[in-house]
N, C-alpha and C. Protein backbone atom coordinates (compact mmCIF):
# COMPACT_ATOMS: atom_id res chain seq x y z
N MET A 1 -17.45 11.34 4.19
CA MET A 1 -16.60 9.87 4.00
C MET A 1 -16.13 8.88 5.01
N LYS A 2 -15.93 10.11 6.27
CA LYS A 2 -15.40 9.44 7.82
C LYS A 2 -16.21 8.86 7.94
N ALA A 3 -17.62 8.98 7.59
CA ALA A 3 -18.26 8.29 8.48
C ALA A 3 -19.13 7.06 7.65
N GLY A 4 -18.89 6.85 6.29
CA GLY A 4 -18.89 5.58 5.49
C GLY A 4 -20.16 5.56 4.46
N ALA A 5 -21.20 7.21 4.95
CA ALA A 5 -22.10 7.46 4.24
C ALA A 5 -21.82 7.22 2.58
N LEU A 6 -20.43 7.61 1.86
CA LEU A 6 -20.11 6.85 0.48
C LEU A 6 -18.55 5.81 0.71
N LYS A 7 -18.04 5.83 0.23
CA LYS A 7 -17.45 4.45 0.41
C LYS A 7 -17.19 4.50 -1.10
N GLY A 8 -18.14 4.11 -2.69
CA GLY A 8 -17.74 3.89 -3.30
C GLY A 8 -17.19 4.28 -4.70
N LEU A 9 -16.27 3.85 -5.30
CA LEU A 9 -15.71 4.72 -6.72
C LEU A 9 -16.82 4.12 -7.43
N SER A 10 -16.32 5.61 -8.23
CA SER A 10 -17.12 5.09 -9.91
C SER A 10 -15.99 6.12 -11.03
N ILE A 11 -15.44 4.99 -12.30
CA ILE A 11 -14.24 5.26 -12.40
C ILE A 11 -14.37 5.30 -13.97
N GLY A 12 -14.90 6.43 -14.28
CA GLY A 12 -14.78 6.64 -16.13
C GLY A 12 -13.77 6.96 -16.70
N TYR A 13 -13.64 5.91 -17.98
CA TYR A 13 -11.82 6.51 -19.08
C TYR A 13 -12.98 5.81 -20.06
N PRO A 14 -12.25 6.75 -21.09
CA PRO A 14 -12.29 5.27 -22.69
C PRO A 14 -10.82 4.55 -22.80
N ILE A 15 -10.94 3.52 -23.51
CA ILE A 15 -9.61 2.93 -23.94
C ILE A 15 -9.17 3.18 -24.74
N VAL A 16 -7.56 3.33 -24.70
CA VAL A 16 -6.57 3.46 -25.44
C VAL A 16 -5.99 2.51 -26.37
N LYS A 17 -6.04 1.72 -25.34
CA LYS A 17 -5.16 0.11 -25.67
C LYS A 17 -5.59 -1.42 -24.75
N ALA A 18 -6.00 -2.29 -25.11
CA ALA A 18 -6.35 -3.39 -24.59
C ALA A 18 -5.91 -4.41 -25.54
N ALA A 19 -6.00 -5.74 -24.40
CA ALA A 19 -5.79 -6.94 -25.64
C ALA A 19 -5.97 -7.67 -24.43
N ALA A 20 -6.93 -9.19 -25.16
CA ALA A 20 -6.72 -9.89 -24.71
C ALA A 20 -5.95 -10.95 -23.81
N ALA A 21 -6.23 -11.33 -22.55
CA ALA A 21 -5.24 -12.26 -21.83
C ALA A 21 -6.04 -13.22 -20.83
N ASN A 22 -5.26 -14.37 -21.36
CA ASN A 22 -6.55 -15.75 -20.30
C ASN A 22 -8.26 -15.76 -19.91
N GLY A 23 -8.55 -15.18 -21.16
CA GLY A 23 -9.62 -15.09 -21.66
C GLY A 23 -10.57 -13.51 -20.68
N ALA A 24 -9.47 -13.05 -20.26
CA ALA A 24 -10.00 -12.01 -19.73
C ALA A 24 -9.17 -10.05 -20.45
N ARG A 25 -10.29 -9.47 -20.68
CA ARG A 25 -9.16 -8.06 -21.56
C ARG A 25 -8.63 -7.30 -20.61
N LEU A 26 -7.67 -7.66 -21.33
CA LEU A 26 -6.34 -6.36 -20.42
C LEU A 26 -6.38 -5.00 -20.78
N LEU A 27 -6.31 -4.27 -19.66
CA LEU A 27 -6.74 -2.82 -19.73
C LEU A 27 -5.18 -2.08 -20.39
N LYS A 28 -4.26 -2.03 -21.06
CA LYS A 28 -3.48 -1.33 -21.42
C LYS A 28 -3.04 0.53 -21.26
N GLU A 29 -3.84 0.65 -21.55
CA GLU A 29 -4.05 1.93 -21.93
C GLU A 29 -5.23 2.53 -21.76
N ILE A 30 -5.50 3.50 -20.76
CA ILE A 30 -6.75 3.97 -20.26
C ILE A 30 -6.57 5.71 -20.91
N LYS A 31 -7.71 7.20 -20.59
CA LYS A 31 -7.90 8.27 -20.17
C LYS A 31 -8.64 8.14 -19.17
N LEU A 32 -7.59 8.58 -18.41
CA LEU A 32 -9.14 8.98 -17.00
C LEU A 32 -9.94 10.57 -17.48
N ALA A 33 -11.11 10.43 -17.55
CA ALA A 33 -11.91 10.67 -17.57
C ALA A 33 -12.56 11.76 -15.67
N GLU A 34 -13.16 10.57 -15.42
CA GLU A 34 -13.95 11.60 -14.00
C GLU A 34 -13.82 10.51 -12.74
N VAL A 35 -13.58 10.95 -11.74
CA VAL A 35 -13.33 9.80 -10.16
C VAL A 35 -14.11 10.00 -9.77
N SER A 36 -15.69 9.83 -9.63
CA SER A 36 -16.69 9.84 -7.95
C SER A 36 -17.22 9.24 -7.15
N LEU A 37 -17.45 9.74 -6.32
CA LEU A 37 -17.64 8.49 -5.37
C LEU A 37 -19.27 8.40 -5.24
N VAL A 38 -19.78 7.48 -4.87
CA VAL A 38 -21.09 6.81 -5.00
C VAL A 38 -21.35 6.16 -3.87
N THR A 39 -22.81 5.81 -3.90
CA THR A 39 -23.18 4.74 -2.02
C THR A 39 -22.66 3.67 -2.71
N PHE A 40 -23.08 3.06 -4.15
CA PHE A 40 -23.68 1.92 -4.32
C PHE A 40 -22.61 2.01 -5.39
N PRO A 41 -21.59 1.12 -5.76
CA PRO A 41 -20.50 0.73 -6.83
C PRO A 41 -20.96 -0.24 -8.08
N MET A 42 -21.16 0.16 -8.87
CA MET A 42 -21.08 -0.86 -9.62
C MET A 42 -20.08 -2.99 -9.20
N ASN A 43 -19.17 -1.78 -9.45
CA ASN A 43 -17.53 -3.01 -8.73
C ASN A 43 -17.96 -3.35 -7.13
N PRO A 44 -18.52 -4.35 -6.20
CA PRO A 44 -18.18 -4.02 -5.21
C PRO A 44 -17.14 -3.72 -4.49
N GLU A 45 -16.00 -3.87 -4.96
CA GLU A 45 -14.53 -3.84 -4.38
C GLU A 45 -14.14 -2.84 -4.75
N ALA A 46 -14.84 -2.05 -5.24
CA ALA A 46 -14.52 -0.41 -6.07
C ALA A 46 -14.66 0.48 -4.74
N GLN A 47 -13.75 0.23 -3.32
CA GLN A 47 -13.79 0.92 -2.12
C GLN A 47 -12.82 1.94 -2.12
N VAL A 48 -13.49 2.94 -1.35
CA VAL A 48 -12.07 3.96 -0.30
C VAL A 48 -12.55 3.18 0.75
N LEU A 49 -10.63 2.71 1.43
CA LEU A 49 -10.43 1.80 2.11
C LEU A 49 -9.55 2.84 3.05
N SER A 50 -9.58 4.11 3.46
CA SER A 50 -9.16 5.02 4.20
C SER A 50 -9.79 6.54 3.95
N VAL A 51 -9.23 7.32 4.73
CA VAL A 51 -9.69 8.88 3.97
C VAL A 51 -8.44 9.39 5.26
N LYS A 52 -8.09 10.59 4.99
CA LYS A 52 -6.99 11.81 5.08
C LYS A 52 -7.80 13.18 5.52
N GLU A 53 -7.31 13.66 6.32
CA GLU A 53 -8.27 14.96 6.52
C GLU A 53 -7.87 15.76 5.03
N GLN A 54 -9.29 16.66 5.19
CA GLN A 54 -9.95 17.25 4.77
C GLN A 54 -8.88 18.21 3.31
N GLU A 55 -8.59 19.02 4.13
CA GLU A 55 -7.52 19.78 3.66
C GLU A 55 -6.05 19.25 3.05
N CYS A 56 -6.16 18.50 3.85
CA CYS A 56 -4.43 17.82 3.38
C CYS A 56 -5.26 16.99 2.27
N ALA A 57 -5.91 16.14 2.22
CA ALA A 57 -6.19 15.29 0.95
C ALA A 57 -5.86 16.67 -0.14
N ALA A 58 -6.92 17.92 -0.17
CA ALA A 58 -7.50 18.55 -1.19
C ALA A 58 -5.68 18.86 -1.50
N ARG A 59 -5.27 20.15 -0.76
CA ARG A 59 -3.75 20.31 -1.20
C ARG A 59 -3.28 19.18 -1.96
N GLN A 60 -3.15 17.76 -1.27
CA GLN A 60 -1.98 17.07 -2.47
C GLN A 60 -2.79 16.54 -3.44
N LEU A 61 -4.35 16.51 -4.14
CA LEU A 61 -4.11 16.47 -5.38
C LEU A 61 -4.42 17.49 -5.99
N MET A 62 -4.32 19.28 -5.52
CA MET A 62 -3.67 20.28 -6.19
C MET A 62 -2.26 20.06 -6.75
N ASN A 63 -1.51 19.40 -5.71
CA ASN A 63 -0.01 19.37 -6.37
C ASN A 63 -0.05 18.36 -7.27
N TYR A 64 -0.55 17.45 -7.47
CA TYR A 64 -1.12 16.36 -8.70
C TYR A 64 -0.73 16.53 -9.73
N LEU A 65 -2.07 17.97 -9.74
CA LEU A 65 -2.70 18.30 -10.73
C LEU A 65 -1.49 19.60 -11.53
């Protein structure tokens, strides 16, 4: 990741609640199913912008779960 080989994100979720707003779909509630690192994300703006030290990031993730 620090070398920039993987910097895109793929996010999978079923939609629980949605509405229409100004001609766009507004996701009000989702159930997050997965987050994956990918080379070419479908949405070019779904990018990892910074990377922390690996062990520190893993520790933070485990505390979050």
